[in-house]
Amino acid sequence: MEIRMLQQPELLPALHLVWEVYADTIAPTSTPEGVASFQKFIKYDYISQVWQRGELIFFGAYEGESLLGTLALRPDGHIALFFVDKDRQGQGIGRMLFQHAYHYCAQYLNAGRLTVNAAPDAVERYVHMGMRPISGEQEREGMRYVPMEMYVNLSVVSPKGQRSKAPWIALGAFGVVLVLLLTFIGVNAFNDIRREIVHQRDWVYDEPDYDYDDNYDYDYDNGFGSEEFPEGYGGDGYDESEEMSGIWTIPEMIDDGLTYEIEEDVYEFSDEEKQSMMIQFQVAYPKLSGLSDASVEKKVNDILKARAMESVKRIYDDPAPEIKERVLGEEYAILIDYVDYKVCYASEDVLSVVYEDYCYEGGQDYYVQHLRTCNISLKDGKVYEVKEIVELSDKFLEEWLVRMRSEAGDDSFLSEADMNTLKKALEGDSQNGVYDVSFFLDADGIEIGFDLNYASDDENNRGYVWVTAPFTFEEMGEYGSGSNLWEKLK
């Protein structure tokens, strides 16, 4: 699946897709006035003009030459159109488009909020993607909608084209707002800030639009405003490799015709009663349905959720002693965790998931990031570990270290540890938490490496959050153990 910006010749096919889905799923429940307004809105002459002026950006989801979904975004971060081919809905295409739009807002538009006017039936879907209602249900010209928004993490700016080796500093959606406000306003206004962030109140926007999408969301605006993109943002000069970073650059391999479904669930919690601290959690994770064995399905889902919730457990549910000390010692304690994920490999037998975790562990000086992975058998719920699937021979370790240093772009990377220490780390001994072993499967093969947790004052800290070394499945034939994982990947 490729997500990219559409060029002008691709607008007409995108509008055809939009109309086909709208006519099939939304028009039957709309008023004649609403259908006429929508038809007027998506006329090619009009859309091509606003596209040329840089007042509307179209993204498309392609599988080969086939366009399977499209999302139109205004420069202010408002989603105006959002449609997925009706035969391909429920397969994660909409979520990929949404994530792409989010990252574009952060890296290019400097838009602090992503907004949409969602039909009541679609509110829950948008909540699962991180958005929140900012008011109750409204009605205009016979169309009902709920205005929604989410904070855009403006610190999501990483070295272009980098993946594993990127330091990728990215605060959680609430955390970035908190730090900026505390920096420029001061902690005396902490409680007011806290309420504003948690409740997301008092955002004043221009007269409402209607958003149209395949989740029964609609948008109609008689004009997109006068502000134009900076030169080059009207569809020219865009480099796909510059858009995505972190886990979103991992090439996924999702088998066609899976007999089970992969859905998303989100754990959300905020404690609004405590006045001297902020507690806010938003943890997303995959949830499977349709496995042949119900007990295995429950086991798998419990493991997938538990992996995503590790930071929440560490800082809140069962806080570590050092977390308790920090909270007691901070005048204004902060416990925030934001987790996102990507399914990078899915077959009938095996699922591989990567999680990105952004967390404040007690105060604004205790911000950390983590990469977590989960590689699990869908036949019995077994979680695979590196030490079980790879023969950690001297030959493998030498080749793995060469690739790790190549990914990091640093020939001295990991030089503080000898081979025996690195072998122990790959076997699961994290050496006091510094080297947390991780691996994941993807379309290109397998990547094995570390989530790195050096102390901030450690001279060996190069600023990397995680680094993994890539191997093709063919290359791993020389190093693989007798684990049944390799049989399941054939």
Protein backbone atom coordinates (compact mmCIF):
# COMPACT_ATOMS: atom_id res chain seq x y z
CA MET A 1 0.00 0.00 0.00
CA GLU A 2 1.35 3.42 -1.01
CA ILE A 3 0.05 6.66 0.48
CA ARG A 4 1.03 9.75 -1.52
CA MET A 5 -0.06 13.20 -2.58
CA LEU A 6 -2.21 13.31 -5.70
CA GLN A 7 -1.19 15.22 -8.81
CA GLN A 8 -3.76 17.14 -10.87
CA PRO A 9 -4.44 14.34 -13.41
CA GLU A 10 -5.32 12.08 -10.46
CA LEU A 11 -7.97 14.40 -9.02
CA LEU A 12 -10.74 13.24 -11.36
CA PRO A 13 -10.36 9.52 -10.50
CA ALA A 14 -10.34 10.50 -6.82
CA LEU A 15 -13.57 12.47 -7.23
CA HIS A 16 -15.13 9.50 -9.04
CA LEU A 17 -14.27 7.29 -6.06
CA VAL A 18 -15.69 9.91 -3.69
CA TRP A 19 -18.98 10.06 -5.57
CA GLU A 20 -19.33 6.28 -5.89
CA VAL A 21 -18.94 5.77 -2.15
CA TYR A 22 -21.12 8.77 -1.29
CA ALA A 23 -23.90 7.70 -3.64
CA ASP A 24 -23.89 4.17 -2.26
CA THR A 25 -23.57 4.85 1.47
CA ILE A 26 -24.47 8.44 2.30
CA ALA A 27 -26.86 9.80 -0.32
CA PRO A 28 -29.69 7.37 0.57
CA THR A 29 -29.92 8.92 4.06
CA SER A 30 -29.35 12.53 2.98
CA THR A 31 -31.87 15.18 1.97
CA PRO A 32 -32.11 16.20 -1.70
CA GLU A 33 -30.67 19.56 -0.67
CA GLY A 34 -27.68 17.86 0.93
CA VAL A 35 -27.01 15.66 -2.12
CA ALA A 36 -27.18 18.67 -4.44
CA SER A 37 -24.76 20.59 -2.24
CA PHE A 38 -22.33 17.71 -2.26
CA GLN A 39 -22.51 17.33 -6.04
CA LYS A 40 -21.74 21.03 -6.39
CA PHE A 41 -18.83 20.76 -3.99
CA ILE A 42 -17.05 17.90 -5.80
CA LYS A 43 -17.32 19.26 -9.34
CA TYR A 44 -13.93 18.85 -10.99
CA ASP A 45 -13.77 22.46 -12.20
CA TYR A 46 -14.17 23.75 -8.66
CA ILE A 47 -11.90 21.21 -6.96
CA SER A 48 -9.12 21.66 -9.53
CA GLN A 49 -9.19 25.43 -8.98
CA VAL A 50 -8.86 25.21 -5.21
CA TRP A 51 -6.19 22.53 -5.65
CA GLN A 52 -4.19 24.81 -7.97
CA ARG A 53 -4.44 27.63 -5.42
CA GLY A 54 -3.03 25.31 -2.76
CA GLU A 55 -6.22 25.52 -0.71
CA LEU A 56 -6.89 21.78 -0.72
CA ILE A 57 -4.43 18.87 -0.61
CA PHE A 58 -5.45 15.41 -1.77
CA PHE A 59 -3.80 12.22 -0.54
CA GLY A 60 -4.44 8.84 -2.12
CA ALA A 61 -4.02 5.23 -1.01
CA TYR A 62 -2.77 3.11 -3.91
CA GLU A 63 -2.39 -0.61 -4.35
CA GLY A 64 -0.50 -0.90 -7.59
CA GLU A 65 -2.37 1.37 -9.99
CA SER A 66 -5.66 1.13 -8.09
CA LEU A 67 -6.84 4.07 -5.98
CA LEU A 68 -8.50 2.62 -2.87
CA GLY A 69 -9.03 5.72 -0.76
CA THR A 70 -8.58 9.47 -0.66
CA LEU A 71 -8.43 12.23 1.95
CA ALA A 72 -8.60 15.97 1.25
CA LEU A 73 -7.00 18.34 3.74
CA ARG A 74 -7.18 22.12 4.04
CA PRO A 75 -4.07 24.14 5.02
CA ASP A 76 -5.60 24.81 8.44
CA GLY A 77 -5.68 21.07 9.21
CA HIS A 78 -9.38 20.51 8.48
CA ILE A 79 -10.39 17.22 6.82
CA ALA A 80 -12.85 18.09 4.04
CA LEU A 81 -13.19 14.74 2.23
CA PHE A 82 -12.38 11.26 3.51
CA PHE A 83 -13.46 8.21 1.51
CA VAL A 84 -12.36 4.59 1.14
CA ASP A 85 -13.56 2.18 -1.54
CA LYS A 86 -16.59 0.42 -0.05
CA ASP A 87 -15.14 -3.01 -0.85
CA ARG A 88 -11.91 -2.25 0.99
CA GLN A 89 -13.22 -0.61 4.14
CA GLY A 90 -12.24 -2.11 7.49
CA GLN A 91 -8.73 -3.03 6.27
CA GLY A 92 -6.81 -0.13 7.81
CA ILE A 93 -6.68 2.02 4.66
CA GLY A 94 -8.57 4.89 6.26
CA ARG A 95 -6.27 4.82 9.27
CA MET A 96 -3.17 4.99 7.06
CA LEU A 97 -4.59 7.99 5.21
CA PHE A 98 -5.42 9.66 8.51
CA GLN A 99 -1.92 9.08 9.88
CA HIS A 100 -0.42 10.47 6.69
CA ALA A 101 -2.54 13.63 6.98
CA TYR A 102 -1.56 13.97 10.64
CA HIS A 103 2.16 13.81 9.89
CA TYR A 104 1.76 16.25 7.00
CA CYS A 105 0.09 18.72 9.37
CA ALA A 106 3.01 18.37 11.77
CA GLN A 107 5.88 18.52 9.31
CA TYR A 108 4.66 20.90 6.60
CA LEU A 109 1.56 22.84 7.58
CA ASN A 110 2.51 23.67 11.16
CA ALA A 111 -1.17 23.13 11.94
CA GLY A 112 -1.61 22.69 15.67
CA ARG A 113 -4.96 20.93 15.36
CA LEU A 114 -6.52 18.40 13.03
CA THR A 115 -10.29 18.94 12.79
CA VAL A 116 -13.30 17.24 11.26
CA ASN A 117 -17.07 17.55 11.50
CA ALA A 118 -18.18 13.99 12.08
CA ALA A 119 -21.61 12.48 11.70
CA PRO A 120 -22.84 11.07 15.02
CA ASP A 121 -22.35 7.49 13.80
CA ALA A 122 -18.69 8.19 13.00
CA VAL A 123 -17.66 9.84 16.27
CA GLU A 124 -16.44 6.60 17.86
CA ARG A 125 -14.27 5.78 14.85
CA TYR A 126 -12.57 9.16 15.04
CA VAL A 127 -12.10 8.78 18.79
CA HIS A 128 -10.19 5.57 18.08
CA MET A 129 -7.87 7.60 15.85
CA GLY A 130 -7.21 10.08 18.64
CA MET A 131 -9.78 12.81 18.00
CA ARG A 132 -12.16 14.25 20.59
CA PRO A 133 -15.53 16.01 20.35
CA ILE A 134 -15.27 19.72 21.15
CA SER A 135 -19.02 20.32 21.39
CA GLY A 136 -22.28 18.44 21.25
CA GLU A 137 -24.21 17.45 18.17
CA GLN A 138 -25.08 20.29 15.79
CA GLU A 139 -27.35 20.59 12.77
CA ARG A 140 -27.16 22.75 9.68
CA GLU A 141 -29.24 22.57 6.50
CA GLY A 142 -30.65 19.25 7.68
CA MET A 143 -27.25 17.63 8.26
CA ARG A 144 -26.20 16.53 11.77
CA TYR A 145 -22.56 16.53 12.83
CA VAL A 146 -20.22 16.69 15.82
CA PRO A 147 -17.17 19.00 15.59
CA MET A 148 -14.03 17.08 16.58
CA GLU A 149 -10.33 17.85 16.91
CA MET A 150 -7.02 16.50 18.05
CA TYR A 151 -3.79 18.25 18.94
CA VAL A 152 -1.09 17.81 16.32
CA ASN A 153 2.36 17.05 17.68
CA LEU A 154 4.39 19.82 16.05
CA SER A 155 7.64 18.28 17.31
CA VAL A 156 7.28 15.32 14.94
CA VAL A 157 10.16 16.45 12.74
CA SER A 158 12.83 13.85 12.13
CA PRO A 159 15.84 13.63 9.84
CA LYS A 160 14.46 13.17 6.34
CA GLY A 161 14.48 9.67 4.94
CA GLN A 162 15.76 8.08 8.15
CA ARG A 163 14.06 5.26 9.94
CA SER A 164 15.70 3.04 12.54
CA LYS A 165 18.56 5.41 13.24
CA ALA A 166 16.45 8.53 13.69
CA PRO A 167 16.51 10.04 17.19
CA TRP A 168 12.87 10.92 16.39
CA ILE A 169 12.01 13.20 19.28
CA ALA A 170 8.23 13.43 19.39
CA LEU A 171 6.17 14.48 22.39
CA GLY A 172 2.71 13.11 23.05
CA ALA A 173 -0.18 15.20 21.75
CA PHE A 174 -0.93 16.61 25.18
CA GLY A 175 2.71 16.71 26.28
CA VAL A 176 3.91 19.14 23.64
CA VAL A 177 1.16 21.62 24.52
CA LEU A 178 1.93 21.23 28.20
CA VAL A 179 5.64 21.89 27.84
CA LEU A 180 5.11 24.98 25.71
CA LEU A 181 2.55 26.40 28.08
CA LEU A 182 4.65 25.72 31.16
CA THR A 183 7.65 27.29 29.47
CA PHE A 184 5.99 30.50 28.36
CA ILE A 185 3.25 30.98 30.94
CA GLY A 186 4.75 29.46 34.06
CA VAL A 187 3.61 26.87 36.52
CA ASN A 188 1.38 29.27 38.47
CA ALA A 189 -1.27 28.79 35.80
CA PHE A 190 -0.88 25.01 35.95
CA ASN A 191 -4.42 24.17 37.01
CA ASP A 192 -5.99 26.37 34.34
CA ILE A 193 -3.67 24.87 31.74
CA ARG A 194 -4.47 21.39 32.93
CA ARG A 195 -8.20 21.91 32.56
CA GLU A 196 -7.78 23.43 29.13
CA ILE A 197 -5.64 20.57 27.88
CA VAL A 198 -7.67 17.76 29.39
CA HIS A 199 -11.06 19.12 28.42
CA GLN A 200 -9.88 20.74 25.17
CA ARG A 201 -12.34 23.58 25.65
CA ASP A 202 -12.74 27.05 24.27
CA TRP A 203 -11.41 26.49 20.78
CA VAL A 204 -13.09 29.08 18.57
CA TYR A 205 -13.24 28.21 14.92
CA ASP A 206 -14.76 29.87 11.90
CA GLU A 207 -18.26 29.04 10.79
CA PRO A 208 -18.68 25.28 10.65
CA ASP A 209 -18.23 23.21 7.54
CA TYR A 210 -19.62 19.82 6.71
CA ASP A 211 -17.25 16.93 6.20
CA TYR A 212 -18.03 14.19 3.77
CA ASP A 213 -16.54 10.75 4.21
CA ASP A 214 -17.39 7.10 4.04
CA ASN A 215 -18.05 7.07 7.78
CA TYR A 216 -21.04 9.35 7.18
CA ASP A 217 -19.10 12.55 7.75
CA TYR A 218 -19.83 15.53 5.58
CA ASP A 219 -18.23 18.81 4.64
CA TYR A 220 -19.52 21.56 2.45
CA ASP A 221 -17.95 24.98 2.24
CA ASN A 222 -18.70 27.67 -0.32
CA GLY A 223 -15.05 28.69 -0.27
CA PHE A 224 -11.85 27.50 1.31
CA GLY A 225 -10.56 30.91 2.36
CA SER A 226 -7.80 33.01 0.87
CA GLU A 227 -4.67 31.71 2.58
CA GLU A 228 -2.52 29.77 0.15
CA PHE A 229 0.30 27.30 0.60
CA PRO A 230 3.89 28.47 0.51
CA GLU A 231 5.41 27.94 -2.93
CA GLY A 232 5.75 24.28 -3.83
CA TYR A 233 2.95 22.94 -1.63
CA GLY A 234 0.35 22.85 -4.38
CA GLY A 235 1.28 19.34 -5.41
CA ASP A 236 4.77 19.93 -6.83
CA GLY A 237 8.10 19.18 -5.23
CA TYR A 238 6.69 16.71 -2.71
CA ASP A 239 8.92 13.83 -1.70
CA GLU A 240 7.14 10.85 -0.18
CA SER A 241 10.26 9.81 1.72
CA GLU A 242 10.22 13.14 3.56
CA GLU A 243 6.73 12.65 4.88
CA MET A 244 6.80 9.59 7.07
CA SER A 245 9.16 8.66 9.86
CA GLY A 246 9.50 6.25 12.75
CA ILE A 247 7.39 3.10 12.59
CA TRP A 248 5.33 4.47 9.68
CA THR A 249 8.18 3.85 7.26
CA ILE A 250 8.25 0.12 8.02
CA PRO A 251 6.96 -1.73 4.92
CA GLU A 252 4.09 -3.90 6.07
CA MET A 253 3.18 -7.35 4.77
CA ILE A 254 -0.51 -8.11 5.28
CA ASP A 255 -1.70 -11.34 3.65
CA ASP A 256 -4.68 -11.05 1.32
CA GLY A 257 -7.85 -12.82 2.38
CA LEU A 258 -7.13 -13.14 6.09
CA THR A 259 -9.82 -15.15 7.86
CA TYR A 260 -9.71 -12.81 10.85
CA GLU A 261 -10.08 -9.06 11.25
CA ILE A 262 -7.64 -6.57 12.77
CA GLU A 263 -9.40 -3.73 14.54
CA GLU A 264 -8.17 -0.97 16.79
CA ASP A 265 -8.93 -0.42 20.44
CA VAL A 266 -7.89 2.53 22.59
CA TYR A 267 -7.46 2.83 26.34
CA GLU A 268 -8.10 6.40 27.47
CA PHE A 269 -7.98 7.79 30.98
CA SER A 270 -7.61 11.20 32.57
CA ASP A 271 -7.85 12.04 36.26
CA GLU A 272 -9.61 15.39 36.51
CA GLU A 273 -9.90 15.43 40.28
CA LYS A 274 -6.24 15.75 41.24
CA GLN A 275 -5.33 19.44 41.19
CA SER A 276 -1.58 19.15 41.75
CA MET A 277 -0.77 16.76 38.91
CA MET A 278 -1.73 15.84 35.37
CA ILE A 279 -2.65 12.25 34.52
CA GLN A 280 -3.52 11.51 30.89
CA PHE A 281 -3.29 8.22 28.97
CA GLN A 282 -4.15 7.41 25.36
CA VAL A 283 -2.95 3.95 24.37
CA ALA A 284 -3.87 2.41 21.01
CA TYR A 285 -3.39 -1.27 20.21
CA PRO A 286 -4.66 -3.86 17.72
CA LYS A 287 -7.49 -6.23 18.55
CA LEU A 288 -8.24 -9.40 16.59
CA SER A 289 -11.58 -11.01 15.94
CA GLY A 290 -12.51 -14.13 14.02
CA LEU A 291 -9.71 -16.51 15.05
CA SER A 292 -10.85 -20.12 14.93
CA ASP A 293 -9.98 -20.75 18.60
CA ALA A 294 -11.75 -18.32 20.96
CA SER A 295 -9.38 -19.05 23.84
CA VAL A 296 -6.34 -18.32 21.67
CA GLU A 297 -8.00 -15.14 20.43
CA LYS A 298 -8.48 -13.92 24.00
CA LYS A 299 -4.90 -14.83 24.89
CA VAL A 300 -3.52 -12.99 21.86
CA ASN A 301 -5.61 -9.89 22.51
CA ASP A 302 -4.64 -9.80 26.17
CA ILE A 303 -0.96 -9.95 25.22
CA LEU A 304 -1.29 -7.24 22.55
CA LYS A 305 -2.99 -4.92 25.03
CA ALA A 306 -0.57 -5.68 27.86
CA ARG A 307 2.39 -4.88 25.61
CA ALA A 308 0.88 -1.51 24.74
CA MET A 309 0.07 -0.77 28.39
CA GLU A 310 3.54 -1.39 29.83
CA SER A 311 4.28 2.28 30.53
CA VAL A 312 0.87 2.88 32.10
CA LYS A 313 1.52 -0.06 34.40
CA ARG A 314 5.01 1.21 35.26
CA ILE A 315 4.02 4.80 36.03
CA TYR A 316 0.46 4.43 37.33
CA ASP A 317 -1.18 1.04 37.81
CA ASP A 318 1.82 -0.47 39.63
CA PRO A 319 4.31 2.40 39.85
CA ALA A 320 8.00 1.66 40.18
CA PRO A 321 9.68 3.05 43.33
CA GLU A 322 11.54 5.75 41.38
CA ILE A 323 8.26 6.94 39.85
CA LYS A 324 6.70 7.28 43.29
CA GLU A 325 9.70 9.31 44.45
CA ARG A 326 9.47 11.63 41.46
CA VAL A 327 5.75 12.24 41.90
CA LEU A 328 6.21 13.05 45.58
CA GLY A 329 9.14 15.33 44.81
CA GLU A 330 7.53 17.28 41.97
CA GLU A 331 5.49 20.40 42.71
CA TYR A 332 3.39 19.60 39.65
CA ALA A 333 3.69 15.94 38.74
CA ILE A 334 2.99 14.75 35.21
CA LEU A 335 2.03 11.21 34.21
CA ILE A 336 1.26 11.10 30.49
CA ASP A 337 1.48 8.20 28.07
CA TYR A 338 0.68 8.20 24.36
CA VAL A 339 1.07 4.95 22.42
CA ASP A 340 0.58 4.31 18.72
CA TYR A 341 1.22 1.11 16.77
CA LYS A 342 1.60 -0.44 13.36
CA VAL A 343 0.84 -4.00 12.28
CA CYS A 344 3.85 -4.69 10.07
CA TYR A 345 3.28 -8.41 9.40
CA ALA A 346 0.06 -10.41 9.42
CA SER A 347 -0.52 -13.92 8.13
CA GLU A 348 -2.82 -16.74 9.17
CA ASP A 349 -0.12 -17.96 11.56
CA VAL A 350 1.87 -14.97 12.79
CA LEU A 351 1.31 -11.35 13.77
CA SER A 352 4.08 -8.77 14.25
CA VAL A 353 3.26 -5.41 15.83
CA VAL A 354 5.46 -2.41 16.63
CA TYR A 355 4.47 0.20 19.21
CA GLU A 356 5.83 3.72 19.67
CA ASP A 357 5.48 4.97 23.24
CA TYR A 358 5.87 8.61 24.35
CA CYS A 359 5.75 9.07 28.09
CA TYR A 360 6.23 11.57 30.92
CA GLU A 361 7.33 9.57 33.94
CA GLY A 362 6.60 11.95 36.81
CA GLY A 363 7.49 15.43 35.58
CA GLN A 364 8.38 17.51 32.55
CA ASP A 365 12.07 16.64 33.00
CA TYR A 366 11.32 12.91 32.72
CA TYR A 367 10.25 12.48 29.11
CA VAL A 368 11.10 9.14 27.47
CA GLN A 369 10.37 7.30 24.24
CA HIS A 370 10.28 3.58 23.62
CA LEU A 371 9.95 1.12 20.78
CA ARG A 372 8.14 -2.06 21.77
CA THR A 373 7.38 -5.06 19.63
CA CYS A 374 5.20 -8.14 19.85
CA ASN A 375 5.63 -11.17 17.60
CA ILE A 376 3.02 -13.77 18.36
CA SER A 377 1.70 -17.06 17.03
CA LEU A 378 -1.99 -16.95 16.16
CA LYS A 379 -2.25 -20.71 16.62
CA ASP A 380 -1.34 -20.92 20.31
CA GLY A 381 -0.56 -17.37 21.50
CA LYS A 382 3.17 -18.03 21.90
CA VAL A 383 5.29 -14.87 21.98
CA TYR A 384 8.57 -15.29 20.11
CA GLU A 385 11.89 -13.98 21.46
CA VAL A 386 15.15 -13.35 19.64
CA LYS A 387 17.04 -15.96 21.66
CA GLU A 388 14.54 -18.61 20.52
CA ILE A 389 14.55 -17.85 16.81
CA VAL A 390 18.20 -16.95 16.13
CA GLU A 391 21.40 -18.88 16.74
CA LEU A 392 23.44 -16.13 18.42
CA SER A 393 26.75 -17.36 17.05
CA ASP A 394 29.87 -15.23 16.79
CA LYS A 395 29.32 -15.02 13.03
CA PHE A 396 25.79 -13.72 13.45
CA LEU A 397 26.79 -11.24 16.15
CA GLU A 398 29.56 -9.82 13.99
CA GLU A 399 27.27 -9.40 10.98
CA TRP A 400 24.47 -7.98 13.13
CA LEU A 401 26.79 -5.38 14.68
CA VAL A 402 28.02 -4.29 11.24
CA ARG A 403 24.42 -3.71 10.16
CA MET A 404 23.50 -1.92 13.39
CA ARG A 405 26.37 0.51 12.88
CA SER A 406 25.39 0.97 9.25
CA GLU A 407 21.82 1.82 10.26
CA ALA A 408 23.10 4.26 12.88
CA GLY A 409 25.62 5.76 10.48
CA ASP A 410 28.24 5.49 13.22
CA ASP A 411 31.12 3.00 13.16
CA SER A 412 31.60 3.35 16.92
CA PHE A 413 27.97 2.70 17.83
CA LEU A 414 27.67 0.18 20.71
CA SER A 415 31.46 0.18 21.17
CA GLU A 416 30.98 0.51 24.92
CA ALA A 417 29.77 -3.11 25.04
CA ASP A 418 31.78 -6.21 24.19
CA MET A 419 30.34 -9.10 22.18
CA ASN A 420 29.45 -11.10 25.26
CA THR A 421 27.47 -8.18 26.69
CA LEU A 422 25.63 -7.67 23.40
CA LYS A 423 24.83 -11.39 23.21
CA LYS A 424 23.38 -11.29 26.72
CA ALA A 425 21.31 -8.27 25.76
CA LEU A 426 19.91 -10.07 22.71
CA GLU A 427 19.08 -12.99 25.02
CA GLY A 428 16.99 -10.66 27.18
CA ASP A 429 19.43 -9.28 29.77
CA SER A 430 18.90 -5.56 29.18
CA GLN A 431 21.95 -4.54 31.22
CA ASN A 432 19.98 -2.43 33.69
CA GLY A 433 17.46 -1.40 31.07
CA VAL A 434 19.90 0.14 28.60
CA TYR A 435 19.49 -2.42 25.78
CA ASP A 436 15.88 -3.60 25.48
CA VAL A 437 15.91 -6.21 22.73
CA SER A 438 13.30 -5.87 19.98
CA PHE A 439 12.57 -7.52 16.68
CA PHE A 440 9.80 -7.34 14.12
CA LEU A 441 8.81 -8.88 10.81
CA ASP A 442 7.92 -6.83 7.75
CA ALA A 443 7.64 -7.03 3.98
CA ASP A 444 11.42 -7.06 3.58
CA GLY A 445 12.26 -9.66 6.22
CA ILE A 446 13.18 -9.28 9.88
CA GLU A 447 14.82 -6.48 11.88
CA ILE A 448 16.60 -7.14 15.18
CA GLY A 449 17.95 -4.51 17.53
CA PHE A 450 17.47 -2.46 20.67
CA ASP A 451 15.18 0.08 22.22
CA LEU A 452 17.91 2.23 23.78
CA ASN A 453 17.61 3.73 27.25
CA TYR A 454 20.91 5.36 28.15
CA ALA A 455 21.00 7.84 31.01
CA SER A 456 20.88 11.39 29.68
CA ASP A 457 24.39 12.08 30.97
CA ASP A 458 25.87 8.81 29.65
CA GLU A 459 28.72 9.59 27.27
CA ASN A 460 27.58 6.67 25.10
CA ASN A 461 24.17 8.21 24.52
CA ARG A 462 24.10 9.14 20.81
CA GLY A 463 20.47 10.30 20.91
CA TYR A 464 19.00 7.21 19.26
CA VAL A 465 15.61 6.04 20.50
CA TRP A 466 15.85 2.69 18.72
CA VAL A 467 18.05 1.03 16.13
CA THR A 468 17.40 -2.28 14.37
CA ALA A 469 19.45 -4.27 11.86
CA PRO A 470 17.60 -5.57 8.77
CA PHE A 471 17.94 -9.09 7.37
CA THR A 472 16.01 -10.70 4.55
CA PHE A 473 14.34 -14.03 5.27
CA GLU A 474 16.81 -15.65 2.87
CA GLU A 475 19.76 -14.23 4.81
CA MET A 476 18.28 -15.50 8.07
CA GLY A 477 18.32 -19.02 6.69
CA GLU A 478 21.95 -19.20 7.78
CA TYR A 479 21.31 -17.92 11.29
CA GLY A 480 17.82 -19.17 12.14
CA SER A 481 17.28 -21.66 14.93
CA GLY A 482 14.93 -24.61 14.95
CA SER A 483 12.01 -22.41 15.99
CA ASN A 484 8.69 -23.19 14.30
CA LEU A 485 8.46 -19.49 13.42
CA TRP A 486 10.56 -20.08 10.33
CA GLU A 487 8.23 -22.83 9.14
CA LYS A 488 5.27 -20.47 9.52
CA LEU A 489 7.00 -17.82 7.42
CA LYS A 490 7.53 -20.13 4.43
